[in-house]
Amino acid sequence: RTHDRAVELAGRFHGEAIRFDELYDTADRADIVISSTERPTP
């Protein structure tokens, strides 16, 4: 949700930060999706 935090974590692992509003449009780029948030619903 906080894009700066995504940029920070992705940068540590030479990954790519994705804007939260692009989540559903870009998830098909992955073989594995892991969600670890405080959101009560999937």
Full PDB file with SEQRES, HELIX, SHEET, SSBOND, CRYST1, ORIGX, SCALE, CONECT and MASTER records, all heavy atoms in Angstrom:
SEQRES   1 A   42  ARG THR HIS ASP ARG ALA VAL GLU LEU ALA GLY ARG PHE          
SEQRES   2 A   42  HIS GLY GLU ALA ILE ARG PHE ASP GLU LEU TYR ASP THR          
SEQRES   3 A   42  ALA ASP ARG ALA ASP ILE VAL ILE SER SER THR GLU ARG          
SEQRES   4 A   42  PRO THR PRO                                                  
HELIX    1 AA1 HIS A    3  ARG A   12  1                                  10    
HELIX    2 AA2 PHE A   20  GLU A   22  5                                   3    
HELIX    3 AA3 LEU A   23  THR A   26  1                                   4    
HELIX    4 AA4 ALA A   27  ARG A   29  5                                   3    
CRYST1    1.000    1.000    1.000  90.00  90.00  90.00 P 1           1          
ORIGX1      1.000000  0.000000  0.000000        0.00000                         
ORIGX2      0.000000  1.000000  0.000000        0.00000                         
ORIGX3      0.000000  0.000000  1.000000        0.00000                         
SCALE1      1.000000  0.000000  0.000000        0.00000                         
SCALE2      0.000000  1.000000  0.000000        0.00000                         
SCALE3      0.000000  0.000000  1.000000        0.00000                         
ATOM      1  N   ARG A   1       0.830  -1.219   0.000  1.00  0.00           N  
ATOM      2  CA  ARG A   1       0.000   0.000   0.000  1.00  0.00           C  
ATOM      3  C   ARG A   1       0.855   1.255   0.000  1.00  0.00           C  
ATOM      4  O   ARG A   1       0.536   2.247  -0.635  1.00  0.00           O  
ATOM      5  CB  ARG A   1      -0.952   0.001   1.187  1.00  0.00           C  
ATOM      6  CG  ARG A   1      -2.160  -0.866   0.963  1.00  0.00           C  
ATOM      7  CD  ARG A   1      -3.088  -0.745   2.133  1.00  0.00           C  
ATOM      8  NE  ARG A   1      -2.467  -1.360   3.308  1.00  0.00           N  
ATOM      9  CZ  ARG A   1      -3.035  -2.290   4.048  1.00  0.00           C  
ATOM     10  NH1 ARG A   1      -4.256  -2.680   3.782  1.00  0.00           N  
ATOM     11  NH2 ARG A   1      -2.413  -2.804   5.067  1.00  0.00           N  
ATOM     12  N   THR A   2       1.972   1.210   0.727  1.00  0.00           N  
ATOM     13  CA  THR A   2       2.922   2.318   0.733  1.00  0.00           C  
ATOM     14  C   THR A   2       3.988   1.993  -0.306  1.00  0.00           C  
ATOM     15  O   THR A   2       4.839   1.129  -0.086  1.00  0.00           O  
ATOM     16  CB  THR A   2       3.571   2.481   2.122  1.00  0.00           C  
ATOM     17  OG1 THR A   2       2.538   2.597   3.097  1.00  0.00           O  
ATOM     18  CG2 THR A   2       4.478   3.682   2.174  1.00  0.00           C  
ATOM     19  N   HIS A   3       3.915   2.666  -1.451  1.00  0.00           N  
ATOM     20  CA  HIS A   3       4.813   2.330  -2.563  1.00  0.00           C  
ATOM     21  C   HIS A   3       6.284   2.495  -2.186  1.00  0.00           C  
ATOM     22  O   HIS A   3       7.125   1.695  -2.605  1.00  0.00           O  
ATOM     23  CB  HIS A   3       4.469   3.166  -3.801  1.00  0.00           C  
ATOM     24  CG  HIS A   3       5.255   2.752  -5.003  1.00  0.00           C  
ATOM     25  ND1 HIS A   3       5.085   1.526  -5.610  1.00  0.00           N  
ATOM     26  CD2 HIS A   3       6.226   3.389  -5.699  1.00  0.00           C  
ATOM     27  CE1 HIS A   3       5.913   1.423  -6.634  1.00  0.00           C  
ATOM     28  NE2 HIS A   3       6.605   2.542  -6.708  1.00  0.00           N  
ATOM     29  N   ASP A   4       6.599   3.506  -1.383  1.00  0.00           N  
ATOM     30  CA  ASP A   4       7.994   3.703  -0.974  1.00  0.00           C  
ATOM     31  C   ASP A   4       8.543   2.476  -0.253  1.00  0.00           C  
ATOM     32  O   ASP A   4       9.709   2.125  -0.418  1.00  0.00           O  
ATOM     33  CB  ASP A   4       8.135   4.934  -0.081  1.00  0.00           C  
ATOM     34  CG  ASP A   4       7.942   6.237  -0.839  1.00  0.00           C  
ATOM     35  OD1 ASP A   4       8.016   6.228  -2.084  1.00  0.00           O  
ATOM     36  OD2 ASP A   4       7.708   7.265  -0.180  1.00  0.00           O  
ATOM     37  N   ARG A   5       7.708   1.844   0.526  1.00  0.00           N  
ATOM     38  CA  ARG A   5       8.131   0.622   1.246  1.00  0.00           C  
ATOM     39  C   ARG A   5       8.362  -0.523   0.256  1.00  0.00           C  
ATOM     40  O   ARG A   5       9.301  -1.300   0.397  1.00  0.00           O  
ATOM     41  CB  ARG A   5       7.063   0.247   2.284  1.00  0.00           C  
ATOM     42  CG  ARG A   5       7.392  -0.962   3.088  1.00  0.00           C  
ATOM     43  CD  ARG A   5       8.491  -0.692   4.121  1.00  0.00           C  
ATOM     44  NE  ARG A   5       8.705  -1.924   4.861  1.00  0.00           N  
ATOM     45  CZ  ARG A   5       9.841  -2.615   4.839  1.00  0.00           C  
ATOM     46  NH1 ARG A   5      10.883  -2.175   4.194  1.00  0.00           N  
ATOM     47  NH2 ARG A   5       9.944  -3.746   5.498  1.00  0.00           N  
ATOM     48  N   ALA A   6       7.536  -0.617  -0.773  1.00  0.00           N  
ATOM     49  CA  ALA A   6       7.737  -1.637  -1.812  1.00  0.00           C  
ATOM     50  C   ALA A   6       9.048  -1.383  -2.554  1.00  0.00           C  
ATOM     51  O   ALA A   6       9.805  -2.316  -2.827  1.00  0.00           O  
ATOM     52  CB  ALA A   6       6.563  -1.638  -2.784  1.00  0.00           C  
ATOM     53  N   VAL A   7       9.327  -0.116  -2.846  1.00  0.00           N  
ATOM     54  CA  VAL A   7      10.571   0.249  -3.529  1.00  0.00           C  
ATOM     55  C   VAL A   7      11.771  -0.140  -2.671  1.00  0.00           C  
ATOM     56  O   VAL A   7      12.755  -0.697  -3.164  1.00  0.00           O  
ATOM     57  CB  VAL A   7      10.588   1.769  -3.845  1.00  0.00           C  
ATOM     58  CG1 VAL A   7      11.969   2.223  -4.297  1.00  0.00           C  
ATOM     59  CG2 VAL A   7       9.538   2.103  -4.896  1.00  0.00           C  
ATOM     60  N   GLU A   8      11.666   0.138  -1.385  1.00  0.00           N  
ATOM     61  CA  GLU A   8      12.763  -0.183  -0.460  1.00  0.00           C  
ATOM     62  C   GLU A   8      13.038  -1.683  -0.417  1.00  0.00           C  
ATOM     63  O   GLU A   8      14.181  -2.119  -0.561  1.00  0.00           O  
ATOM     64  CB  GLU A   8      12.407   0.329   0.935  1.00  0.00           C  
ATOM     65  CG  GLU A   8      13.450   0.053   1.984  1.00  0.00           C  
ATOM     66  CD  GLU A   8      12.983   0.466   3.377  1.00  0.00           C  
ATOM     67  OE1 GLU A   8      12.236   1.455   3.492  1.00  0.00           O  
ATOM     68  OE2 GLU A   8      13.358  -0.228   4.340  1.00  0.00           O  
ATOM     69  N   LEU A   9      11.989  -2.483  -0.223  1.00  0.00           N  
ATOM     70  CA  LEU A   9      12.184  -3.930  -0.137  1.00  0.00           C  
ATOM     71  C   LEU A   9      12.648  -4.504  -1.470  1.00  0.00           C  
ATOM     72  O   LEU A   9      13.585  -5.302  -1.513  1.00  0.00           O  
ATOM     73  CB  LEU A   9      10.900  -4.628   0.322  1.00  0.00           C  
ATOM     74  CG  LEU A   9      11.009  -6.141   0.509  1.00  0.00           C  
ATOM     75  CD1 LEU A   9      12.026  -6.485   1.596  1.00  0.00           C  
ATOM     76  CD2 LEU A   9       9.665  -6.744   0.854  1.00  0.00           C  
ATOM     77  N   ALA A  10      12.032  -4.102  -2.549  1.00  0.00           N  
ATOM     78  CA  ALA A  10      12.439  -4.593  -3.868  1.00  0.00           C  
ATOM     79  C   ALA A  10      13.899  -4.242  -4.145  1.00  0.00           C  
ATOM     80  O   ALA A  10      14.653  -5.064  -4.671  1.00  0.00           O  
ATOM     81  CB  ALA A  10      11.528  -4.014  -4.946  1.00  0.00           C  
ATOM     82  N   GLY A  11      14.311  -3.046  -3.773  1.00  0.00           N  
ATOM     83  CA  GLY A  11      15.686  -2.622  -3.993  1.00  0.00           C  
ATOM     84  C   GLY A  11      16.701  -3.475  -3.259  1.00  0.00           C  
ATOM     85  O   GLY A  11      17.786  -3.748  -3.769  1.00  0.00           O  
ATOM     86  N   ARG A  12      16.350  -3.905  -2.066  1.00  0.00           N  
ATOM     87  CA  ARG A  12      17.270  -4.760  -1.291  1.00  0.00           C  
ATOM     88  C   ARG A  12      17.528  -6.090  -1.967  1.00  0.00           C  
ATOM     89  O   ARG A  12      18.557  -6.722  -1.740  1.00  0.00           O  
ATOM     90  CB  ARG A  12      16.706  -5.013   0.099  1.00  0.00           C  
ATOM     91  CG  ARG A  12      17.094  -3.942   1.061  1.00  0.00           C  
ATOM     92  CD  ARG A  12      16.814  -4.363   2.467  1.00  0.00           C  
ATOM     93  NE  ARG A  12      15.657  -3.597   2.888  1.00  0.00           N  
ATOM     94  CZ  ARG A  12      14.755  -4.002   3.747  1.00  0.00           C  
ATOM     95  NH1 ARG A  12      14.841  -5.191   4.289  1.00  0.00           N  
ATOM     96  NH2 ARG A  12      13.746  -3.236   4.060  1.00  0.00           N  
ATOM     97  N   PHE A  13      16.578  -6.537  -2.800  1.00  0.00           N  
ATOM     98  CA  PHE A  13      16.697  -7.846  -3.433  1.00  0.00           C  
ATOM     99  C   PHE A  13      16.767  -7.748  -4.956  1.00  0.00           C  
ATOM    100  O   PHE A  13      16.509  -8.715  -5.652  1.00  0.00           O  
ATOM    101  CB  PHE A  13      15.522  -8.730  -3.002  1.00  0.00           C  
ATOM    102  CG  PHE A  13      15.551  -9.021  -1.528  1.00  0.00           C  
ATOM    103  CD1 PHE A  13      14.735  -8.309  -0.657  1.00  0.00           C  
ATOM    104  CD2 PHE A  13      16.403  -9.968  -1.017  1.00  0.00           C  
ATOM    105  CE1 PHE A  13      14.764  -8.556   0.705  1.00  0.00           C  
ATOM    106  CE2 PHE A  13      16.446 -10.222   0.350  1.00  0.00           C  
ATOM    107  CZ  PHE A  13      15.624  -9.517   1.210  1.00  0.00           C  
ATOM    108  N   HIS A  14      17.116  -6.570  -5.449  1.00  0.00           N  
ATOM    109  CA  HIS A  14      17.221  -6.337  -6.896  1.00  0.00           C  
ATOM    110  C   HIS A  14      15.937  -6.741  -7.609  1.00  0.00           C  
ATOM    111  O   HIS A  14      15.962  -7.284  -8.708  1.00  0.00           O  
ATOM    112  CB  HIS A  14      18.436  -7.077  -7.482  1.00  0.00           C  
ATOM    113  CG  HIS A  14      19.702  -6.758  -6.765  1.00  0.00           C  
ATOM    114  ND1 HIS A  14      20.324  -5.541  -6.873  1.00  0.00           N  
ATOM    115  CD2 HIS A  14      20.440  -7.473  -5.889  1.00  0.00           C  
ATOM    116  CE1 HIS A  14      21.405  -5.536  -6.102  1.00  0.00           C  
ATOM    117  NE2 HIS A  14      21.493  -6.695  -5.494  1.00  0.00           N  
ATOM    118  N   GLY A  15      14.826  -6.463  -6.945  1.00  0.00           N  
ATOM    119  CA  GLY A  15      13.517  -6.782  -7.507  1.00  0.00           C  
ATOM    120  C   GLY A  15      12.860  -5.556  -8.111  1.00  0.00           C  
ATOM    121  O   GLY A  15      13.508  -4.521  -8.315  1.00  0.00           O  
ATOM    122  N   GLU A  16      11.579  -5.683  -8.367  1.00  0.00           N  
ATOM    123  CA  GLU A  16      10.812  -4.604  -8.981  1.00  0.00           C  
ATOM    124  C   GLU A  16       9.615  -4.252  -8.101  1.00  0.00           C  
ATOM    125  O   GLU A  16       8.832  -5.132  -7.731  1.00  0.00           O  
ATOM    126  CB  GLU A  16      10.317  -5.046 -10.353  1.00  0.00           C  
ATOM    127  CG  GLU A  16       9.539  -3.992 -11.095  1.00  0.00           C  
ATOM    128  CD  GLU A  16       9.059  -4.465 -12.446  1.00  0.00           C  
ATOM    129  OE1 GLU A  16       9.567  -5.476 -12.974  1.00  0.00           O  
ATOM    130  OE2 GLU A  16       8.138  -3.812 -12.982  1.00  0.00           O  
ATOM    131  N   ALA A  17       9.499  -2.983  -7.770  1.00  0.00           N  
ATOM    132  CA  ALA A  17       8.344  -2.515  -7.004  1.00  0.00           C  
ATOM    133  C   ALA A  17       7.180  -2.294  -7.965  1.00  0.00           C  
ATOM    134  O   ALA A  17       7.356  -1.763  -9.063  1.00  0.00           O  
ATOM    135  CB  ALA A  17       8.674  -1.221  -6.280  1.00  0.00           C  
ATOM    136  N   ILE A  18       6.010  -2.724  -7.550  1.00  0.00           N  
ATOM    137  CA  ILE A  18       4.789  -2.586  -8.334  1.00  0.00           C  
ATOM    138  C   ILE A  18       3.834  -1.678  -7.558  1.00  0.00           C  
ATOM    139  O   ILE A  18       3.649  -1.866  -6.350  1.00  0.00           O  
ATOM    140  CB  ILE A  18       4.116  -3.961  -8.566  1.00  0.00           C  
ATOM    141  CG1 ILE A  18       5.086  -4.936  -9.241  1.00  0.00           C  
ATOM    142  CG2 ILE A  18       2.818  -3.807  -9.331  1.00  0.00           C  
ATOM    143  CD1 ILE A  18       5.481  -4.586 -10.648  1.00  0.00           C  
ATOM    144  N   ARG A  19       3.241  -0.727  -8.235  1.00  0.00           N  
ATOM    145  CA  ARG A  19       2.252   0.131  -7.580  1.00  0.00           C  
ATOM    146  C   ARG A  19       1.057  -0.724  -7.166  1.00  0.00           C  
ATOM    147  O   ARG A  19       0.616  -1.596  -7.903  1.00  0.00           O  
ATOM    148  CB  ARG A  19       1.813   1.262  -8.495  1.00  0.00           C  
ATOM    149  CG  ARG A  19       2.953   2.199  -8.778  1.00  0.00           C  
ATOM    150  CD  ARG A  19       2.458   3.598  -9.061  1.00  0.00           C  
ATOM    151  NE  ARG A  19       3.585   4.496  -9.118  1.00  0.00           N  
ATOM    152  CZ  ARG A  19       4.135   5.096  -8.069  1.00  0.00           C  
ATOM    153  NH1 ARG A  19       3.655   4.894  -6.874  1.00  0.00           N  
ATOM    154  NH2 ARG A  19       5.164   5.898  -8.200  1.00  0.00           N  
ATOM    155  N   PHE A  20       0.544  -0.440  -5.980  1.00  0.00           N  
ATOM    156  CA  PHE A  20      -0.530  -1.251  -5.420  1.00  0.00           C  
ATOM    157  C   PHE A  20      -1.759  -1.286  -6.319  1.00  0.00           C  
ATOM    158  O   PHE A  20      -2.426  -2.305  -6.439  1.00  0.00           O  
ATOM    159  CB  PHE A  20      -0.892  -0.737  -4.026  1.00  0.00           C  
ATOM    160  CG  PHE A  20      -1.531  -1.767  -3.166  1.00  0.00           C  
ATOM    161  CD1 PHE A  20      -0.805  -2.823  -2.660  1.00  0.00           C  
ATOM    162  CD2 PHE A  20      -2.875  -1.698  -2.863  1.00  0.00           C  
ATOM    163  CE1 PHE A  20      -1.384  -3.784  -1.859  1.00  0.00           C  
ATOM    164  CE2 PHE A  20      -3.479  -2.651  -2.062  1.00  0.00           C  
ATOM    165  CZ  PHE A  20      -2.727  -3.691  -1.569  1.00  0.00           C  
ATOM    166  N   ASP A  21      -2.044  -0.173  -6.990  1.00  0.00           N  
ATOM    167  CA  ASP A  21      -3.218  -0.155  -7.865  1.00  0.00           C  
ATOM    168  C   ASP A  21      -2.999  -0.949  -9.160  1.00  0.00           C  
ATOM    169  O   ASP A  21      -3.922  -1.117  -9.951  1.00  0.00           O  
ATOM    170  CB  ASP A  21      -3.677   1.268  -8.167  1.00  0.00           C  
ATOM    171  CG  ASP A  21      -2.629   2.122  -8.853  1.00  0.00           C  
ATOM    172  OD1 ASP A  21      -1.462   1.684  -8.981  1.00  0.00           O  
ATOM    173  OD2 ASP A  21      -2.975   3.243  -9.257  1.00  0.00           O  
ATOM    174  N   GLU A  22      -1.787  -1.458  -9.369  1.00  0.00           N  
ATOM    175  CA  GLU A  22      -1.483  -2.303 -10.522  1.00  0.00           C  
ATOM    176  C   GLU A  22      -1.368  -3.778 -10.133  1.00  0.00           C  
ATOM    177  O   GLU A  22      -0.971  -4.608 -10.948  1.00  0.00           O  
ATOM    178  CB  GLU A  22      -0.185  -1.833 -11.177  1.00  0.00           C  
ATOM    179  CG  GLU A  22      -0.266  -0.420 -11.722  1.00  0.00           C  
ATOM    180  CD  GLU A  22       1.080   0.096 -12.218  1.00  0.00           C  
ATOM    181  OE1 GLU A  22       2.092  -0.629 -12.118  1.00  0.00           O  
ATOM    182  OE2 GLU A  22       1.107   1.231 -12.698  1.00  0.00           O  
ATOM    183  N   LEU A  23      -1.712  -4.079  -8.905  1.00  0.00           N  
ATOM    184  CA  LEU A  23      -1.566  -5.436  -8.376  1.00  0.00           C  
ATOM    185  C   LEU A  23      -2.206  -6.488  -9.272  1.00  0.00           C  
ATOM    186  O   LEU A  23      -1.550  -7.442  -9.688  1.00  0.00           O  
ATOM    187  CB  LEU A  23      -2.178  -5.491  -6.970  1.00  0.00           C  
ATOM    188  CG  LEU A  23      -2.195  -6.839  -6.269  1.00  0.00           C  
ATOM    189  CD1 LEU A  23      -0.778  -7.272  -5.943  1.00  0.00           C  
ATOM    190  CD2 LEU A  23      -3.011  -6.745  -4.989  1.00  0.00           C  
ATOM    191  N   TYR A  24      -3.461  -6.306  -9.615  1.00  0.00           N  
ATOM    192  CA  TYR A  24      -4.173  -7.322 -10.383  1.00  0.00           C  
ATOM    193  C   TYR A  24      -3.729  -7.364 -11.843  1.00  0.00           C  
ATOM    194  O   TYR A  24      -3.815  -8.398 -12.485  1.00  0.00           O  
ATOM    195  CB  TYR A  24      -5.685  -7.111 -10.291  1.00  0.00           C  
ATOM    196  CG  TYR A  24      -6.185  -7.246  -8.869  1.00  0.00           C  
ATOM    197  CD1 TYR A  24      -6.751  -6.168  -8.214  1.00  0.00           C  
ATOM    198  CD2 TYR A  24      -6.056  -8.448  -8.180  1.00  0.00           C  
ATOM    199  CE1 TYR A  24      -7.190  -6.285  -6.900  1.00  0.00           C  
ATOM    200  CE2 TYR A  24      -6.487  -8.569  -6.865  1.00  0.00           C  
ATOM    201  CZ  TYR A  24      -7.053  -7.482  -6.231  1.00  0.00           C  
ATOM    202  OH  TYR A  24      -7.483  -7.602  -4.937  1.00  0.00           O  
ATOM    203  N   ASP A  25      -3.237  -6.250 -12.347  1.00  0.00           N  
ATOM    204  CA  ASP A  25      -2.782  -6.205 -13.740  1.00  0.00           C  
ATOM    205  C   ASP A  25      -1.407  -6.827 -13.933  1.00  0.00           C  
ATOM    206  O   ASP A  25      -1.025  -7.143 -15.059  1.00  0.00           O  
ATOM    207  CB  ASP A  25      -2.740  -4.760 -14.243  1.00  0.00           C  
ATOM    208  CG  ASP A  25      -4.113  -4.120 -14.278  1.00  0.00           C  
ATOM    209  OD1 ASP A  25      -5.108  -4.853 -14.475  1.00  0.00           O  
ATOM    210  OD2 ASP A  25      -4.187  -2.896 -14.082  1.00  0.00           O  
ATOM    211  N   THR A  26      -0.650  -6.987 -12.862  1.00  0.00           N  
ATOM    212  CA  THR A  26       0.728  -7.462 -12.986  1.00  0.00           C  
ATOM    213  C   THR A  26       1.001  -8.803 -12.314  1.00  0.00           C  
ATOM    214  O   THR A  26       2.052  -9.388 -12.539  1.00  0.00           O  
ATOM    215  CB  THR A  26       1.709  -6.422 -12.413  1.00  0.00           C  
ATOM    216  OG1 THR A  26       1.363  -6.161 -11.049  1.00  0.00           O  
ATOM    217  CG2 THR A  26       1.678  -5.127 -13.209  1.00  0.00           C  
ATOM    218  N   ALA A  27       0.089  -9.295 -11.514  1.00  0.00           N  
ATOM    219  CA  ALA A  27       0.340 -10.540 -10.769  1.00  0.00           C  
ATOM    220  C   ALA A  27       0.590 -11.733 -11.685  1.00  0.00           C  
ATOM    221  O   ALA A  27       1.282 -12.679 -11.294  1.00  0.00           O  
ATOM    222  CB  ALA A  27      -0.824 -10.836  -9.824  1.00  0.00           C  
ATOM    223  N   ASP A  28       0.081 -11.676 -12.905  1.00  0.00           N  
ATOM    224  CA  ASP A  28       0.286 -12.810 -13.813  1.00  0.00           C  
ATOM    225  C   ASP A  28       1.723 -12.914 -14.317  1.00  0.00           C  
ATOM    226  O   ASP A  28       2.078 -13.871 -14.991  1.00  0.00           O  
ATOM    227  CB  ASP A  28      -0.688 -12.745 -14.988  1.00  0.00           C  
ATOM    228  CG  ASP A  28      -0.486 -11.532 -15.874  1.00  0.00           C  
ATOM    229  OD1 ASP A  28       0.248 -10.607 -15.494  1.00  0.00           O  
ATOM    230  OD2 ASP A  28      -1.085 -11.510 -16.963  1.00  0.00           O  
ATOM    231  N   ARG A  29       2.571 -11.978 -13.941  1.00  0.00           N  
ATOM    232  CA  ARG A  29       3.990 -12.046 -14.302  1.00  0.00           C  
ATOM    233  C   ARG A  29       4.746 -13.028 -13.401  1.00  0.00           C  
ATOM    234  O   ARG A  29       5.904 -13.329 -13.663  1.00  0.00           O  
ATOM    235  CB  ARG A  29       4.619 -10.659 -14.193  1.00  0.00           C  
ATOM    236  CG  ARG A  29       4.025  -9.669 -15.195  1.00  0.00           C  
ATOM    237  CD  ARG A  29       4.463  -8.253 -14.968  1.00  0.00           C  
ATOM    238  NE  ARG A  29       5.906  -8.089 -15.012  1.00  0.00           N  
ATOM    239  CZ  ARG A  29       6.517  -6.968 -14.658  1.00  0.00           C  
ATOM    240  NH1 ARG A  29       5.834  -5.920 -14.236  1.00  0.00           N  
ATOM    241  NH2 ARG A  29       7.834  -6.879 -14.726  1.00  0.00           N  
ATOM    242  N   ALA A  30       4.096 -13.495 -12.365  1.00  0.00           N  
ATOM    243  CA  ALA A  30       4.767 -14.348 -11.383  1.00  0.00           C  
ATOM    244  C   ALA A  30       4.263 -15.780 -11.427  1.00  0.00           C  
ATOM    245  O   ALA A  30       3.123 -16.050 -11.779  1.00  0.00           O  
ATOM    246  CB  ALA A  30       4.549 -13.779  -9.985  1.00  0.00           C  
ATOM    247  N   ASP A  31       5.155 -16.676 -11.030  1.00  0.00           N  
ATOM    248  CA  ASP A  31       4.806 -18.084 -10.871  1.00  0.00           C  
ATOM    249  C   ASP A  31       4.254 -18.343  -9.475  1.00  0.00           C  
ATOM    250  O   ASP A  31       3.456 -19.251  -9.268  1.00  0.00           O  
ATOM    251  CB  ASP A  31       6.051 -18.962 -11.070  1.00  0.00           C  
ATOM    252  CG  ASP A  31       6.688 -18.756 -12.425  1.00  0.00           C  
ATOM    253  OD1 ASP A  31       6.036 -19.076 -13.435  1.00  0.00           O  
ATOM    254  OD2 ASP A  31       7.828 -18.250 -12.474  1.00  0.00           O  
ATOM    255  N   ILE A  32       4.714 -17.547  -8.519  1.00  0.00           N  
ATOM    256  CA  ILE A  32       4.363 -17.716  -7.110  1.00  0.00           C  
ATOM    257  C   ILE A  32       3.907 -16.364  -6.571  1.00  0.00           C  
ATOM    258  O   ILE A  32       4.583 -15.365  -6.780  1.00  0.00           O  
ATOM    259  CB  ILE A  32       5.593 -18.196  -6.296  1.00  0.00           C  
ATOM    260  CG1 ILE A  32       6.109 -19.534  -6.838  1.00  0.00           C  
ATOM    261  CG2 ILE A  32       5.258 -18.289  -4.810  1.00  0.00           C  
ATOM    262  CD1 ILE A  32       7.499 -19.890  -6.341  1.00  0.00           C  
ATOM    263  N   VAL A  33       2.774 -16.339  -5.885  1.00  0.00           N  
ATOM    264  CA  VAL A  33       2.295 -15.121  -5.237  1.00  0.00           C  
ATOM    265  C   VAL A  33       2.170 -15.396  -3.751  1.00  0.00           C  
ATOM    266  O   VAL A  33       1.532 -16.366  -3.345  1.00  0.00           O  
ATOM    267  CB  VAL A  33       0.929 -14.664  -5.800  1.00  0.00           C  
ATOM    268  CG1 VAL A  33       0.417 -13.439  -5.045  1.00  0.00           C  
ATOM    269  CG2 VAL A  33       1.023 -14.378  -7.295  1.00  0.00           C  
ATOM    270  N   ILE A  34       2.807 -14.536  -2.960  1.00  0.00           N  
ATOM    271  CA  ILE A  34       2.737 -14.667  -1.505  1.00  0.00           C  
ATOM    272  C   ILE A  34       2.197 -13.359  -0.944  1.00  0.00           C  
ATOM    273  O   ILE A  34       2.747 -12.290  -1.210  1.00  0.00           O  
ATOM    274  CB  ILE A  34       4.123 -14.967  -0.899  1.00  0.00           C  
ATOM    275  CG1 ILE A  34       4.625 -16.320  -1.401  1.00  0.00           C  
ATOM    276  CG2 ILE A  34       4.053 -14.933   0.625  1.00  0.00           C  
ATOM    277  CD1 ILE A  34       6.037 -16.651  -0.970  1.00  0.00           C  
ATOM    278  N   SER A  35       1.137 -13.462  -0.177  1.00  0.00           N  
ATOM    279  CA  SER A  35       0.544 -12.285   0.442  1.00  0.00           C  
ATOM    280  C   SER A  35       0.779 -12.341   1.941  1.00  0.00           C  
ATOM    281  O   SER A  35       0.430 -13.327   2.592  1.00  0.00           O  
ATOM    282  CB  SER A  35      -0.958 -12.243   0.141  1.00  0.00           C  
ATOM    283  OG  SER A  35      -1.550 -11.155   0.785  1.00  0.00           O  
ATOM    284  N   SER A  36       1.382 -11.289   2.455  1.00  0.00           N  
ATOM    285  CA  SER A  36       1.647 -11.206   3.881  1.00  0.00           C  
ATOM    286  C   SER A  36       1.313  -9.786   4.328  1.00  0.00           C  
ATOM    287  O   SER A  36       2.169  -8.901   4.332  1.00  0.00           O  
ATOM    288  CB  SER A  36       3.117 -11.532   4.158  1.00  0.00           C  
ATOM    289  OG  SER A  36       3.399 -11.387   5.530  1.00  0.00           O  
ATOM    290  N   THR A  37       0.051  -9.590   4.673  1.00  0.00           N  
ATOM    291  CA  THR A  37      -0.422  -8.262   5.063  1.00  0.00           C  
ATOM    292  C   THR A  37      -1.331  -8.396   6.281  1.00  0.00           C  
ATOM    293  O   THR A  37      -1.652  -9.506   6.707  1.00  0.00           O  
ATOM    294  CB  THR A  37      -1.232  -7.600   3.927  1.00  0.00           C  
ATOM    295  OG1 THR A  37      -2.450  -8.304   3.758  1.00  0.00           O  
ATOM    296  CG2 THR A  37      -0.442  -7.575   2.622  1.00  0.00           C  
ATOM    297  N   GLU A  38      -1.771  -7.272   6.784  1.00  0.00           N  
ATOM    298  CA  GLU A  38      -2.711  -7.277   7.905  1.00  0.00           C  
ATOM    299  C   GLU A  38      -4.159  -7.287   7.431  1.00  0.00           C  
ATOM    300  O   GLU A  38      -5.079  -7.258   8.244  1.00  0.00           O  
ATOM    301  CB  GLU A  38      -2.457  -6.060   8.797  1.00  0.00           C  
ATOM    302  CG  GLU A  38      -1.128  -6.129   9.502  1.00  0.00           C  
ATOM    303  CD  GLU A  38      -0.894  -4.943  10.413  1.00  0.00           C  
ATOM    304  OE1 GLU A  38      -1.858  -4.234  10.758  1.00  0.00           O  
ATOM    305  OE2 GLU A  38       0.265  -4.730  10.802  1.00  0.00           O  
ATOM    306  N   ARG A  39      -4.377  -7.324   6.145  1.00  0.00           N  
ATOM    307  CA  ARG A  39      -5.730  -7.322   5.591  1.00  0.00           C  
ATOM    308  C   ARG A  39      -6.480  -8.580   6.052  1.00  0.00           C  
ATOM    309  O   ARG A  39      -5.962  -9.693   5.946  1.00  0.00           O  
ATOM    310  CB  ARG A  39      -5.650  -7.283   4.067  1.00  0.00           C  
ATOM    311  CG  ARG A  39      -7.003  -7.214   3.410  1.00  0.00           C  
ATOM    312  CD  ARG A  39      -6.842  -7.115   1.916  1.00  0.00           C  
ATOM    313  NE  ARG A  39      -8.117  -7.309   1.252  1.00  0.00           N  
ATOM    314  CZ  ARG A  39      -8.390  -6.833   0.065  1.00  0.00           C  
ATOM    315  NH1 ARG A  39      -7.481  -6.160  -0.603  1.00  0.00           N  
ATOM    316  NH2 ARG A  39      -9.561  -7.055  -0.470  1.00  0.00           N  
ATOM    317  N   PRO A  40      -7.701  -8.426   6.540  1.00  0.00           N  
ATOM    318  CA  PRO A  40      -8.437  -9.577   7.069  1.00  0.00           C  
ATOM    319  C   PRO A  40      -9.041 -10.477   5.985  1.00  0.00           C  
ATOM    320  O   PRO A  40      -9.464 -11.589   6.282  1.00  0.00           O  
ATOM    321  CB  PRO A  40      -9.548  -8.936   7.905  1.00  0.00           C  
ATOM    322  CG  PRO A  40      -9.750  -7.597   7.290  1.00  0.00           C  
ATOM    323  CD  PRO A  40      -8.405  -7.166   6.773  1.00  0.00           C  
ATOM    324  N   THR A  41      -9.087 -10.018   4.739  1.00  0.00           N  
ATOM    325  CA  THR A  41      -9.645 -10.838   3.657  1.00  0.00           C  
ATOM    326  C   THR A  41      -8.579 -11.032   2.576  1.00  0.00           C  
ATOM    327  O   THR A  41      -7.669 -10.225   2.432  1.00  0.00           O  
ATOM    328  CB  THR A  41     -10.886 -10.157   3.031  1.00  0.00           C  
ATOM    329  OG1 THR A  41     -10.494  -8.861   2.539  1.00  0.00           O  
ATOM    330  CG2 THR A  41     -11.997 -10.004   4.050  1.00  0.00           C  
ATOM    331  N   PRO A  42      -8.697 -12.091   1.787  1.00  0.00           N  
ATOM    332  CA  PRO A  42      -7.704 -12.348   0.734  1.00  0.00           C  
ATOM    333  C   PRO A  42      -7.714 -11.270  -0.354  1.00  0.00           C  
ATOM    334  O   PRO A  42      -8.752 -10.678  -0.643  1.00  0.00           O  
ATOM    335  CB  PRO A  42      -8.138 -13.685   0.152  1.00  0.00           C  
ATOM    336  CG  PRO A  42      -9.068 -14.277   1.140  1.00  0.00           C  
ATOM    337  CD  PRO A  42      -9.698 -13.146   1.883  1.00  0.00           C  
TER     338      PRO A  42                                                      
MASTER        0    0    0    4    0    0    0    6  337    1    0    4          
END                                                                             
